[in-house]
Amino acid sequence: MSNDNSKQINEDISLYGLISLFFQHWLVLVICGFSFAFTAMVWAIFQPNVYTAEITIMPVKKDEKSMAGVASQLGGLASLAGLNLNKDLDENAKLALKMLTSKKFIMEFIEEEQLAVPIMAAKSWDIATDKLEIDPDVYDVETKTWVREAVAPRTSEPSLQEIFAVFVELLEVEEEPKSKFIKVSLDFYSPKLATAWLNKLIDKLNHDIRALDKQLADESINYLNEAYDSAKLANMKKAISILVEEQVQAKMLTEIRKDYVFMVVDPAIVPEIKSKPKRAIIVVVGGFIGGIIGLIIILFISGRKNHLNAQRG
């Protein structure tokens, strides 16, 4: 019992001594905390504002039809024609989501919208003039040439792969499995450009999938028409006719439906409030880190002092 009391007293004394030590060197804590907080504040002030445009979309539902009878009779023929009679209703949506961050799709978008200079050379956005500020060390606006210093295999003019790598870091896709809503966001210095790019990105996604399905429908119809002409059995001709009708309807949807794969539930609008940087949080975190470093310095000084006293004794 006495040993437990002695241990408790020693722990109390050690804790008291530690707190007393910190109070004795409070100036070190204040200087370290303030210095780091001030440095973080200066750094945060010079960081450009970043705005986040957001758009909410959801997969377009398709009419589900029973094709079990046709599938049993013409499963092989349908496969040759490029058809999937048991096609998942969300298959196009899954394909579109994969395309959204694919190299081919994003690189095409970069070229179509001429995003190389704003993505790679912009350093901030001037709210007064509503224009991007281009870094002169990266791109010369007057001569329209790239002047940045690059290390091989990179060149002064960034490649599509390099621009793609930067762009996908600005793009975020968040799925909600229960509601099937999908939120796509894009960060950039200019809120207007971020909004315009995001809306165009979803439009291009719908357009490309629509064009792909239209091409597949045309090819399938041509093949099925040839199969119909060569078929001899009446029930075979009837089944092929059903397949042709399905493909004609699919082709018709590609021509009349703008929101082919994804329906825009909440379109992107120009954000008024910046999303980054969180300057207040940066300052608080900087001050906290400075305080931790101050504690380490105090413990080091105290330990060194005790070590020197022990050597003298």
C-alpha atoms as a PDB file:
ATOM      1  CA  MET A   1       0.000   0.000   0.000  1.00  0.00           C
ATOM      2  CA  SER A   2       2.872   2.336   0.881  1.00  0.00           C
ATOM      3  CA  ASN A   3       4.542   1.580  -2.466  1.00  0.00           C
ATOM      4  CA  ASP A   4       1.386   2.574  -4.328  1.00  0.00           C
ATOM      5  CA  ASN A   5       1.170   5.830  -2.376  1.00  0.00           C
ATOM      6  CA  SER A   6       4.832   6.585  -3.110  1.00  0.00           C
ATOM      7  CA  LYS A   7       4.304   5.902  -6.810  1.00  0.00           C
ATOM      8  CA  GLN A   8       1.269   8.210  -6.890  1.00  0.00           C
ATOM      9  CA  ILE A   9       3.200  10.962  -5.094  1.00  0.00           C
ATOM     10  CA  ASN A  10       6.128  10.625  -7.524  1.00  0.00           C
ATOM     11  CA  GLU A  11       3.765  10.837 -10.505  1.00  0.00           C
ATOM     12  CA  ASP A  12       2.132  13.952  -9.027  1.00  0.00           C
ATOM     13  CA  ILE A  13       5.525  15.517  -8.408  1.00  0.00           C
ATOM     14  CA  SER A  14       6.676  14.654 -11.956  1.00  0.00           C
ATOM     15  CA  LEU A  15       3.514  16.113 -13.475  1.00  0.00           C
ATOM     16  CA  TYR A  16       3.829  19.212 -11.287  1.00  0.00           C
ATOM     17  CA  GLY A  17       7.474  19.562 -12.258  1.00  0.00           C
ATOM     18  CA  LEU A  18       6.618  19.241 -15.956  1.00  0.00           C
ATOM     19  CA  ILE A  19       3.886  21.886 -15.766  1.00  0.00           C
ATOM     20  CA  SER A  20       6.187  24.121 -13.711  1.00  0.00           C
ATOM     21  CA  LEU A  21       8.903  23.668 -16.325  1.00  0.00           C
ATOM     22  CA  PHE A  22       6.571  24.796 -19.109  1.00  0.00           C
ATOM     23  CA  PHE A  23       5.476  27.834 -17.101  1.00  0.00           C
ATOM     24  CA  GLN A  24       9.074  28.780 -16.454  1.00  0.00           C
ATOM     25  CA  HIS A  25       9.797  28.748 -20.186  1.00  0.00           C
ATOM     26  CA  TRP A  26       6.442  30.103 -21.381  1.00  0.00           C
ATOM     27  CA  LEU A  27       8.223  32.659 -23.540  1.00  0.00           C
ATOM     28  CA  VAL A  28       9.731  29.876 -25.667  1.00  0.00           C
ATOM     29  CA  LEU A  29       6.261  28.441 -26.274  1.00  0.00           C
ATOM     30  CA  VAL A  30       4.849  31.838 -27.195  1.00  0.00           C
ATOM     31  CA  ILE A  31       7.701  32.709 -29.558  1.00  0.00           C
ATOM     32  CA  CYS A  32       7.588  29.324 -31.325  1.00  0.00           C
ATOM     33  CA  GLY A  33       3.798  29.274 -31.599  1.00  0.00           C
ATOM     34  CA  PHE A  34       3.567  32.881 -32.783  1.00  0.00           C
ATOM     35  CA  SER A  35       6.457  32.498 -35.241  1.00  0.00           C
ATOM     36  CA  PHE A  36       4.986  29.443 -36.902  1.00  0.00           C
ATOM     37  CA  ALA A  37       1.486  30.937 -36.935  1.00  0.00           C
ATOM     38  CA  PHE A  38       2.803  34.144 -38.504  1.00  0.00           C
ATOM     39  CA  THR A  39       4.789  32.204 -41.118  1.00  0.00           C
ATOM     40  CA  ALA A  40       1.711  30.108 -41.935  1.00  0.00           C
ATOM     41  CA  MET A  41      -0.394  33.279 -42.210  1.00  0.00           C
ATOM     42  CA  VAL A  42       2.042  34.920 -44.642  1.00  0.00           C
ATOM     43  CA  TRP A  43       2.207  31.740 -46.716  1.00  0.00           C
ATOM     44  CA  ALA A  44      -1.599  31.420 -46.767  1.00  0.00           C
ATOM     45  CA  ILE A  45      -2.082  35.049 -47.807  1.00  0.00           C
ATOM     46  CA  PHE A  46       0.073  34.557 -50.880  1.00  0.00           C
ATOM     47  CA  GLN A  47      -1.785  31.409 -51.951  1.00  0.00           C
ATOM     48  CA  PRO A  48      -4.290  32.059 -54.784  1.00  0.00           C
ATOM     49  CA  ASN A  49      -7.980  31.514 -54.175  1.00  0.00           C
ATOM     50  CA  VAL A  50      -9.441  28.334 -55.634  1.00  0.00           C
ATOM     51  CA  TYR A  51     -13.137  27.921 -56.461  1.00  0.00           C
ATOM     52  CA  THR A  52     -15.039  24.633 -56.730  1.00  0.00           C
ATOM     53  CA  ALA A  53     -17.797  24.145 -59.299  1.00  0.00           C
ATOM     54  CA  GLU A  54     -20.153  21.230 -58.624  1.00  0.00           C
ATOM     55  CA  ILE A  55     -22.711  19.398 -60.716  1.00  0.00           C
ATOM     56  CA  THR A  56     -25.095  16.625 -59.633  1.00  0.00           C
ATOM     57  CA  ILE A  57     -26.116  13.986 -62.145  1.00  0.00           C
ATOM     58  CA  MET A  58     -27.867  10.622 -62.123  1.00  0.00           C
ATOM     59  CA  PRO A  59     -28.036   7.723 -64.604  1.00  0.00           C
ATOM     60  CA  VAL A  60     -30.933   7.907 -67.059  1.00  0.00           C
ATOM     61  CA  LYS A  61     -33.357   5.026 -66.629  1.00  0.00           C
ATOM     62  CA  LYS A  62     -34.155   2.947 -69.677  1.00  0.00           C
ATOM     63  CA  ASP A  63     -37.298   1.011 -70.414  1.00  0.00           C
ATOM     64  CA  GLU A  64     -36.704  -2.624 -69.483  1.00  0.00           C
ATOM     65  CA  LYS A  65     -38.291  -5.110 -71.886  1.00  0.00           C
ATOM     66  CA  SER A  66     -38.527  -8.857 -71.651  1.00  0.00           C
ATOM     67  CA  MET A  67     -36.328 -10.447 -74.287  1.00  0.00           C
ATOM     68  CA  ALA A  68     -36.102 -13.924 -72.784  1.00  0.00           C
ATOM     69  CA  GLY A  69     -37.787 -15.653 -75.734  1.00  0.00           C
ATOM     70  CA  VAL A  70     -35.637 -13.910 -78.295  1.00  0.00           C
ATOM     71  CA  ALA A  71     -32.531 -14.548 -76.251  1.00  0.00           C
ATOM     72  CA  SER A  72     -33.183 -18.290 -76.207  1.00  0.00           C
ATOM     73  CA  GLN A  73     -33.695 -18.404 -79.976  1.00  0.00           C
ATOM     74  CA  LEU A  74     -31.117 -15.903 -81.200  1.00  0.00           C
ATOM     75  CA  GLY A  75     -28.520 -15.614 -78.478  1.00  0.00           C
ATOM     76  CA  GLY A  76     -25.658 -16.455 -80.840  1.00  0.00           C
ATOM     77  CA  LEU A  77     -26.935 -14.252 -83.641  1.00  0.00           C
ATOM     78  CA  ALA A  78     -27.427 -11.319 -81.256  1.00  0.00           C
ATOM     79  CA  SER A  79     -23.847 -11.686 -80.032  1.00  0.00           C
ATOM     80  CA  LEU A  80     -22.555 -11.587 -83.590  1.00  0.00           C
ATOM     81  CA  ALA A  81     -24.615  -8.468 -84.206  1.00  0.00           C
ATOM     82  CA  GLY A  82     -23.032  -6.791 -81.182  1.00  0.00           C
ATOM     83  CA  LEU A  83     -26.154  -7.005 -79.005  1.00  0.00           C
ATOM     84  CA  ASN A  84     -26.486  -7.939 -75.353  1.00  0.00           C
ATOM     85  CA  LEU A  85     -30.055  -8.986 -74.634  1.00  0.00           C
ATOM     86  CA  ASN A  86     -29.376  -9.211 -70.895  1.00  0.00           C
ATOM     87  CA  LYS A  87     -27.699  -5.826 -70.772  1.00  0.00           C
ATOM     88  CA  ASP A  88     -27.484  -4.173 -67.379  1.00  0.00           C
ATOM     89  CA  LEU A  89     -29.461  -0.948 -67.296  1.00  0.00           C
ATOM     90  CA  ASP A  90     -26.539   0.820 -65.629  1.00  0.00           C
ATOM     91  CA  GLU A  91     -23.919  -0.493 -68.062  1.00  0.00           C
ATOM     92  CA  ASN A  92     -23.732   2.747 -70.041  1.00  0.00           C
ATOM     93  CA  ALA A  93     -23.512   4.746 -66.816  1.00  0.00           C
ATOM     94  CA  LYS A  94     -20.610   2.605 -65.593  1.00  0.00           C
ATOM     95  CA  LEU A  95     -18.870   3.019 -68.935  1.00  0.00           C
ATOM     96  CA  ALA A  96     -19.428   6.779 -68.849  1.00  0.00           C
ATOM     97  CA  LEU A  97     -18.030   7.079 -65.312  1.00  0.00           C
ATOM     98  CA  LYS A  98     -14.931   5.178 -66.376  1.00  0.00           C
ATOM     99  CA  MET A  99     -14.575   7.404 -69.429  1.00  0.00           C
ATOM    100  CA  LEU A 100     -14.919  10.546 -67.319  1.00  0.00           C
ATOM    101  CA  THR A 101     -11.410  10.139 -65.917  1.00  0.00           C
ATOM    102  CA  SER A 102      -9.869   8.225 -68.831  1.00  0.00           C
ATOM    103  CA  LYS A 103      -6.856   9.536 -70.713  1.00  0.00           C
ATOM    104  CA  LYS A 104      -8.498   9.417 -74.142  1.00  0.00           C
ATOM    105  CA  PHE A 105     -11.613  11.307 -73.084  1.00  0.00           C
ATOM    106  CA  ILE A 106      -9.849  13.964 -70.992  1.00  0.00           C
ATOM    107  CA  MET A 107      -7.123  14.523 -73.590  1.00  0.00           C
ATOM    108  CA  GLU A 108      -9.756  15.065 -76.280  1.00  0.00           C
ATOM    109  CA  PHE A 109     -11.524  17.544 -74.002  1.00  0.00           C
ATOM    110  CA  ILE A 110      -8.266  19.393 -73.333  1.00  0.00           C
ATOM    111  CA  GLU A 111      -7.599  19.732 -77.043  1.00  0.00           C
ATOM    112  CA  GLU A 112     -11.168  20.743 -77.914  1.00  0.00           C
ATOM    113  CA  GLU A 113     -11.331  23.429 -75.229  1.00  0.00           C
ATOM    114  CA  GLN A 114      -7.662  24.491 -75.606  1.00  0.00           C
ATOM    115  CA  LEU A 115      -6.939  24.106 -71.895  1.00  0.00           C
ATOM    116  CA  ALA A 116      -3.148  23.783 -72.056  1.00  0.00           C
ATOM    117  CA  VAL A 117      -2.350  27.403 -71.172  1.00  0.00           C
ATOM    118  CA  PRO A 118      -4.970  27.956 -68.423  1.00  0.00           C
ATOM    119  CA  ILE A 119      -4.274  24.610 -66.763  1.00  0.00           C
ATOM    120  CA  MET A 120      -0.472  24.696 -66.924  1.00  0.00           C
ATOM    121  CA  ALA A 121       0.417  28.408 -66.921  1.00  0.00           C
ATOM    122  CA  ALA A 122      -2.260  30.179 -64.857  1.00  0.00           C
ATOM    123  CA  LYS A 123      -1.174  31.220 -61.366  1.00  0.00           C
ATOM    124  CA  SER A 124      -4.269  33.093 -60.146  1.00  0.00           C
ATOM    125  CA  TRP A 125      -7.458  34.874 -61.156  1.00  0.00           C
ATOM    126  CA  ASP A 126      -7.939  38.650 -61.110  1.00  0.00           C
ATOM    127  CA  ILE A 127     -11.437  39.250 -59.770  1.00  0.00           C
ATOM    128  CA  ALA A 128     -11.411  42.902 -60.912  1.00  0.00           C
ATOM    129  CA  THR A 129     -10.701  42.162 -64.583  1.00  0.00           C
ATOM    130  CA  ASP A 130     -12.192  38.651 -64.570  1.00  0.00           C
ATOM    131  CA  LYS A 131      -9.059  37.329 -66.245  1.00  0.00           C
ATOM    132  CA  LEU A 132      -6.492  34.670 -65.472  1.00  0.00           C
ATOM    133  CA  GLU A 133      -3.018  35.794 -64.497  1.00  0.00           C
ATOM    134  CA  ILE A 134      -0.491  33.808 -66.539  1.00  0.00           C
ATOM    135  CA  ASP A 135       2.921  33.044 -65.070  1.00  0.00           C
ATOM    136  CA  PRO A 136       5.472  34.758 -67.388  1.00  0.00           C
ATOM    137  CA  ASP A 137       8.111  32.214 -66.378  1.00  0.00           C
ATOM    138  CA  VAL A 138       5.959  29.465 -67.859  1.00  0.00           C
ATOM    139  CA  TYR A 139       4.208  31.024 -70.870  1.00  0.00           C
ATOM    140  CA  ASP A 140       4.861  34.202 -72.859  1.00  0.00           C
ATOM    141  CA  VAL A 141       1.454  35.674 -73.695  1.00  0.00           C
ATOM    142  CA  GLU A 142       2.790  38.144 -76.279  1.00  0.00           C
ATOM    143  CA  THR A 143       4.715  35.610 -78.357  1.00  0.00           C
ATOM    144  CA  LYS A 144       2.397  32.736 -77.419  1.00  0.00           C
ATOM    145  CA  THR A 145       5.299  30.430 -76.644  1.00  0.00           C
ATOM    146  CA  TRP A 146       6.184  28.187 -73.729  1.00  0.00           C
ATOM    147  CA  VAL A 147       9.248  29.419 -71.857  1.00  0.00           C
ATOM    148  CA  ARG A 148       9.278  27.221 -68.781  1.00  0.00           C
ATOM    149  CA  GLU A 149      12.362  25.272 -67.791  1.00  0.00           C
ATOM    150  CA  ALA A 150      11.780  21.550 -68.052  1.00  0.00           C
ATOM    151  CA  VAL A 151      13.857  18.492 -67.247  1.00  0.00           C
ATOM    152  CA  ALA A 152      13.973  15.686 -69.836  1.00  0.00           C
ATOM    153  CA  PRO A 153      11.883  13.872 -70.894  1.00  0.00           C
ATOM    154  CA  ARG A 154       9.636  16.901 -70.329  1.00  0.00           C
ATOM    155  CA  THR A 155       9.833  19.805 -72.773  1.00  0.00           C
ATOM    156  CA  SER A 156       9.013  23.495 -72.481  1.00  0.00           C
ATOM    157  CA  GLU A 157       5.629  22.825 -74.043  1.00  0.00           C
ATOM    158  CA  PRO A 158       3.715  20.408 -71.800  1.00  0.00           C
ATOM    159  CA  SER A 159       2.475  17.190 -73.351  1.00  0.00           C
ATOM    160  CA  LEU A 160      -1.128  16.039 -73.255  1.00  0.00           C
ATOM    161  CA  GLN A 161      -0.182  13.395 -70.705  1.00  0.00           C
ATOM    162  CA  GLU A 162       1.276  16.038 -68.398  1.00  0.00           C
ATOM    163  CA  ILE A 163      -1.786  18.271 -68.748  1.00  0.00           C
ATOM    164  CA  PHE A 164      -4.032  15.253 -68.168  1.00  0.00           C
ATOM    165  CA  ALA A 165      -2.219  14.440 -64.913  1.00  0.00           C
ATOM    166  CA  VAL A 166      -2.791  17.990 -63.642  1.00  0.00           C
ATOM    167  CA  PHE A 167      -6.416  18.153 -64.802  1.00  0.00           C
ATOM    168  CA  VAL A 168      -7.533  14.920 -63.118  1.00  0.00           C
ATOM    169  CA  GLU A 169      -6.125  16.239 -59.831  1.00  0.00           C
ATOM    170  CA  LEU A 170      -8.613  19.119 -60.143  1.00  0.00           C
ATOM    171  CA  LEU A 171     -11.505  16.773 -60.946  1.00  0.00           C
ATOM    172  CA  GLU A 172     -13.357  14.741 -58.327  1.00  0.00           C
ATOM    173  CA  VAL A 173     -16.170  12.214 -58.831  1.00  0.00           C
ATOM    174  CA  GLU A 174     -18.220  11.140 -55.827  1.00  0.00           C
ATOM    175  CA  GLU A 175     -20.883   8.431 -56.091  1.00  0.00           C
ATOM    176  CA  GLU A 176     -23.786   7.906 -53.706  1.00  0.00           C
ATOM    177  CA  PRO A 177     -24.608   4.167 -53.991  1.00  0.00           C
ATOM    178  CA  LYS A 178     -27.975   4.373 -52.199  1.00  0.00           C
ATOM    179  CA  SER A 179     -29.439   7.335 -54.076  1.00  0.00           C
ATOM    180  CA  LYS A 180     -27.466   6.735 -57.316  1.00  0.00           C
ATOM    181  CA  PHE A 181     -26.717  10.448 -57.472  1.00  0.00           C
ATOM    182  CA  ILE A 182     -23.234  11.358 -58.675  1.00  0.00           C
ATOM    183  CA  LYS A 183     -21.514  14.613 -57.725  1.00  0.00           C
ATOM    184  CA  VAL A 184     -18.734  15.832 -59.995  1.00  0.00           C
ATOM    185  CA  SER A 185     -16.616  18.793 -58.913  1.00  0.00           C
ATOM    186  CA  LEU A 186     -13.832  20.779 -60.514  1.00  0.00           C
ATOM    187  CA  ASP A 187     -11.355  23.105 -58.758  1.00  0.00           C
ATOM    188  CA  PHE A 188      -9.817  26.095 -60.496  1.00  0.00           C
ATOM    189  CA  TYR A 189      -8.718  29.685 -59.952  1.00  0.00           C
ATOM    190  CA  SER A 190     -11.528  31.125 -62.100  1.00  0.00           C
ATOM    191  CA  PRO A 191     -15.051  30.204 -60.915  1.00  0.00           C
ATOM    192  CA  LYS A 192     -16.524  30.976 -64.348  1.00  0.00           C
ATOM    193  CA  LEU A 193     -14.077  28.752 -66.213  1.00  0.00           C
ATOM    194  CA  ALA A 194     -14.490  25.917 -63.704  1.00  0.00           C
ATOM    195  CA  THR A 195     -18.281  26.057 -64.145  1.00  0.00           C
ATOM    196  CA  ALA A 196     -18.141  26.244 -67.940  1.00  0.00           C
ATOM    197  CA  TRP A 197     -15.632  23.385 -68.209  1.00  0.00           C
ATOM    198  CA  LEU A 198     -17.626  21.157 -65.889  1.00  0.00           C
ATOM    199  CA  ASN A 199     -20.903  21.640 -67.775  1.00  0.00           C
ATOM    200  CA  LYS A 200     -19.156  21.038 -71.099  1.00  0.00           C
ATOM    201  CA  LEU A 201     -17.460  17.934 -69.696  1.00  0.00           C
ATOM    202  CA  ILE A 202     -20.805  16.300 -68.864  1.00  0.00           C
ATOM    203  CA  ASP A 203     -22.269  17.375 -72.219  1.00  0.00           C
ATOM    204  CA  LYS A 204     -19.322  15.788 -74.030  1.00  0.00           C
ATOM    205  CA  LEU A 205     -19.712  12.619 -71.967  1.00  0.00           C
ATOM    206  CA  ASN A 206     -23.362  12.253 -73.002  1.00  0.00           C
ATOM    207  CA  HIS A 207     -22.492  13.112 -76.607  1.00  0.00           C
ATOM    208  CA  ASP A 208     -19.664  10.576 -76.901  1.00  0.00           C
ATOM    209  CA  ILE A 209     -21.672   7.691 -75.414  1.00  0.00           C
ATOM    210  CA  ARG A 210     -24.635   8.644 -77.595  1.00  0.00           C
ATOM    211  CA  ALA A 211     -22.431   8.656 -80.711  1.00  0.00           C
ATOM    212  CA  LEU A 212     -20.943   5.286 -79.747  1.00  0.00           C
ATOM    213  CA  ASP A 213     -24.368   3.695 -79.228  1.00  0.00           C
ATOM    214  CA  LYS A 214     -25.628   5.161 -82.499  1.00  0.00           C
ATOM    215  CA  GLN A 215     -22.691   3.657 -84.379  1.00  0.00           C
ATOM    216  CA  LEU A 216     -23.231   0.265 -82.744  1.00  0.00           C
ATOM    217  CA  ALA A 217     -26.959   0.408 -83.542  1.00  0.00           C
ATOM    218  CA  ASP A 218     -26.259   1.190 -87.218  1.00  0.00           C
ATOM    219  CA  GLU A 219     -23.792  -1.685 -87.477  1.00  0.00           C
ATOM    220  CA  SER A 220     -26.214  -4.059 -85.732  1.00  0.00           C
ATOM    221  CA  ILE A 221     -29.120  -3.049 -87.986  1.00  0.00           C
ATOM    222  CA  ASN A 222     -27.030  -3.632 -91.113  1.00  0.00           C
ATOM    223  CA  TYR A 223     -25.957  -7.048 -89.892  1.00  0.00           C
ATOM    224  CA  LEU A 224     -29.489  -8.064 -88.858  1.00  0.00           C
ATOM    225  CA  ASN A 225     -30.948  -6.957 -92.192  1.00  0.00           C
ATOM    226  CA  GLU A 226     -28.461  -9.219 -93.964  1.00  0.00           C
ATOM    227  CA  ALA A 227     -29.347 -12.055 -91.582  1.00  0.00           C
ATOM    228  CA  TYR A 228     -33.057 -11.467 -92.242  1.00  0.00           C
ATOM    229  CA  ASP A 229     -32.577 -11.737 -96.001  1.00  0.00           C
ATOM    230  CA  SER A 230     -30.694 -15.008 -95.641  1.00  0.00           C
ATOM    231  CA  ALA A 231     -33.054 -16.543 -93.059  1.00  0.00           C
ATOM    232  CA  LYS A 232     -35.423 -19.233 -94.353  1.00  0.00           C
ATOM    233  CA  LEU A 233     -37.594 -20.046 -91.318  1.00  0.00           C
ATOM    234  CA  ALA A 234     -40.550 -17.770 -90.562  1.00  0.00           C
ATOM    235  CA  ASN A 235     -39.975 -17.792 -86.792  1.00  0.00           C
ATOM    236  CA  MET A 236     -36.339 -16.852 -87.366  1.00  0.00           C
ATOM    237  CA  LYS A 237     -37.367 -13.887 -89.504  1.00  0.00           C
ATOM    238  CA  LYS A 238     -39.837 -12.817 -86.813  1.00  0.00           C
ATOM    239  CA  ALA A 239     -37.189 -12.968 -84.087  1.00  0.00           C
ATOM    240  CA  ILE A 240     -34.731 -11.000 -86.221  1.00  0.00           C
ATOM    241  CA  SER A 241     -37.429  -8.395 -86.841  1.00  0.00           C
ATOM    242  CA  ILE A 242     -37.801  -7.948 -83.084  1.00  0.00           C
ATOM    243  CA  LEU A 243     -34.057  -7.398 -82.760  1.00  0.00           C
ATOM    244  CA  VAL A 244     -34.087  -4.874 -85.592  1.00  0.00           C
ATOM    245  CA  GLU A 245     -36.961  -3.032 -83.945  1.00  0.00           C
ATOM    246  CA  GLU A 246     -35.021  -2.872 -80.695  1.00  0.00           C
ATOM    247  CA  GLN A 247     -32.015  -1.385 -82.463  1.00  0.00           C
ATOM    248  CA  VAL A 248     -34.139   1.122 -84.371  1.00  0.00           C
ATOM    249  CA  GLN A 249     -35.608   2.292 -81.067  1.00  0.00           C
ATOM    250  CA  ALA A 250     -32.122   2.486 -79.544  1.00  0.00           C
ATOM    251  CA  LYS A 251     -30.926   4.558 -82.497  1.00  0.00           C
ATOM    252  CA  MET A 252     -33.953   6.836 -82.189  1.00  0.00           C
ATOM    253  CA  LEU A 253     -33.105   7.522 -78.526  1.00  0.00           C
ATOM    254  CA  THR A 254     -29.573   8.548 -79.491  1.00  0.00           C
ATOM    255  CA  GLU A 255     -31.020  11.149 -81.864  1.00  0.00           C
ATOM    256  CA  ILE A 256     -33.682  12.703 -79.626  1.00  0.00           C
ATOM    257  CA  ARG A 257     -32.313  12.425 -76.067  1.00  0.00           C
ATOM    258  CA  LYS A 258     -29.758  15.066 -75.056  1.00  0.00           C
ATOM    259  CA  ASP A 259     -29.181  13.709 -71.548  1.00  0.00           C
ATOM    260  CA  TYR A 260     -28.453  10.278 -72.959  1.00  0.00           C
ATOM    261  CA  VAL A 261     -26.520   8.620 -70.122  1.00  0.00           C
ATOM    262  CA  PHE A 262     -26.672  11.135 -67.289  1.00  0.00           C
ATOM    263  CA  MET A 263     -29.487  13.508 -66.462  1.00  0.00           C
ATOM    264  CA  VAL A 264     -28.329  16.748 -64.890  1.00  0.00           C
ATOM    265  CA  VAL A 265     -30.180  17.106 -61.592  1.00  0.00           C
ATOM    266  CA  ASP A 266     -28.359  20.194 -60.367  1.00  0.00           C
ATOM    267  CA  PRO A 267     -26.271  22.017 -63.007  1.00  0.00           C
ATOM    268  CA  ALA A 268     -23.009  23.712 -62.127  1.00  0.00           C
ATOM    269  CA  ILE A 269     -23.364  27.396 -61.286  1.00  0.00           C
ATOM    270  CA  VAL A 270     -20.614  29.950 -60.779  1.00  0.00           C
ATOM    271  CA  PRO A 271     -19.474  29.719 -57.117  1.00  0.00           C
ATOM    272  CA  GLU A 272     -19.245  33.027 -55.252  1.00  0.00           C
ATOM    273  CA  ILE A 273     -17.220  31.789 -52.277  1.00  0.00           C
ATOM    274  CA  LYS A 274     -13.750  30.294 -52.549  1.00  0.00           C
ATOM    275  CA  SER A 275     -13.197  26.741 -51.355  1.00  0.00           C
ATOM    276  CA  LYS A 276      -9.430  26.968 -50.839  1.00  0.00           C
ATOM    277  CA  PRO A 277      -7.202  27.821 -49.102  1.00  0.00           C
ATOM    278  CA  LYS A 278      -8.649  27.614 -45.568  1.00  0.00           C
ATOM    279  CA  ARG A 279      -6.443  30.375 -44.231  1.00  0.00           C
ATOM    280  CA  ALA A 280      -7.758  30.396 -40.654  1.00  0.00           C
ATOM    281  CA  ILE A 281      -7.197  26.651 -40.317  1.00  0.00           C
ATOM    282  CA  ILE A 282      -3.708  26.979 -41.803  1.00  0.00           C
ATOM    283  CA  VAL A 283      -2.789  29.632 -39.212  1.00  0.00           C
ATOM    284  CA  VAL A 284      -4.183  27.548 -36.317  1.00  0.00           C
ATOM    285  CA  VAL A 285      -2.339  24.422 -37.479  1.00  0.00           C
ATOM    286  CA  GLY A 286       0.860  26.443 -37.898  1.00  0.00           C
ATOM    287  CA  GLY A 287       0.557  27.785 -34.359  1.00  0.00           C
ATOM    288  CA  PHE A 288      -0.108  24.290 -33.000  1.00  0.00           C
ATOM    289  CA  ILE A 289       2.963  22.868 -34.738  1.00  0.00           C
ATOM    290  CA  GLY A 290       5.003  25.769 -33.386  1.00  0.00           C
ATOM    291  CA  GLY A 291       3.769  25.006 -29.866  1.00  0.00           C
ATOM    292  CA  ILE A 292       4.762  21.354 -30.210  1.00  0.00           C
ATOM    293  CA  ILE A 293       8.231  22.343 -31.385  1.00  0.00           C
ATOM    294  CA  GLY A 294       8.454  24.775 -28.443  1.00  0.00           C
ATOM    295  CA  LEU A 295       7.681  21.939 -26.024  1.00  0.00           C
ATOM    296  CA  ILE A 296      10.396  19.813 -27.593  1.00  0.00           C
ATOM    297  CA  ILE A 297      12.891  22.666 -27.248  1.00  0.00           C
ATOM    298  CA  ILE A 298      11.985  23.155 -23.559  1.00  0.00           C
ATOM    299  CA  LEU A 299      12.359  19.440 -22.804  1.00  0.00           C
ATOM    300  CA  PHE A 300      15.683  19.372 -24.641  1.00  0.00           C
ATOM    301  CA  ILE A 301      17.012  22.385 -22.698  1.00  0.00           C
ATOM    302  CA  SER A 302      15.822  20.918 -19.391  1.00  0.00           C
ATOM    303  CA  GLY A 303      17.316  17.497 -20.142  1.00  0.00           C
ATOM    304  CA  ARG A 304      20.611  19.010 -21.171  1.00  0.00           C
ATOM    305  CA  LYS A 305      20.706  21.155 -18.009  1.00  0.00           C
ATOM    306  CA  ASN A 306      20.053  18.121 -15.794  1.00  0.00           C
ATOM    307  CA  HIS A 307      22.714  16.146 -17.648  1.00  0.00           C
ATOM    308  CA  LEU A 308      25.314  18.891 -17.098  1.00  0.00           C
ATOM    309  CA  ASN A 309      24.386  19.182 -13.407  1.00  0.00           C
ATOM    310  CA  ALA A 310      24.736  15.430 -13.011  1.00  0.00           C
ATOM    311  CA  GLN A 311      28.211  15.499 -14.568  1.00  0.00           C
ATOM    312  CA  ARG A 312      29.309  18.333 -12.265  1.00  0.00           C
ATOM    313  CA  GLY A 313      27.930  16.546  -9.237  1.00  0.00           C
END
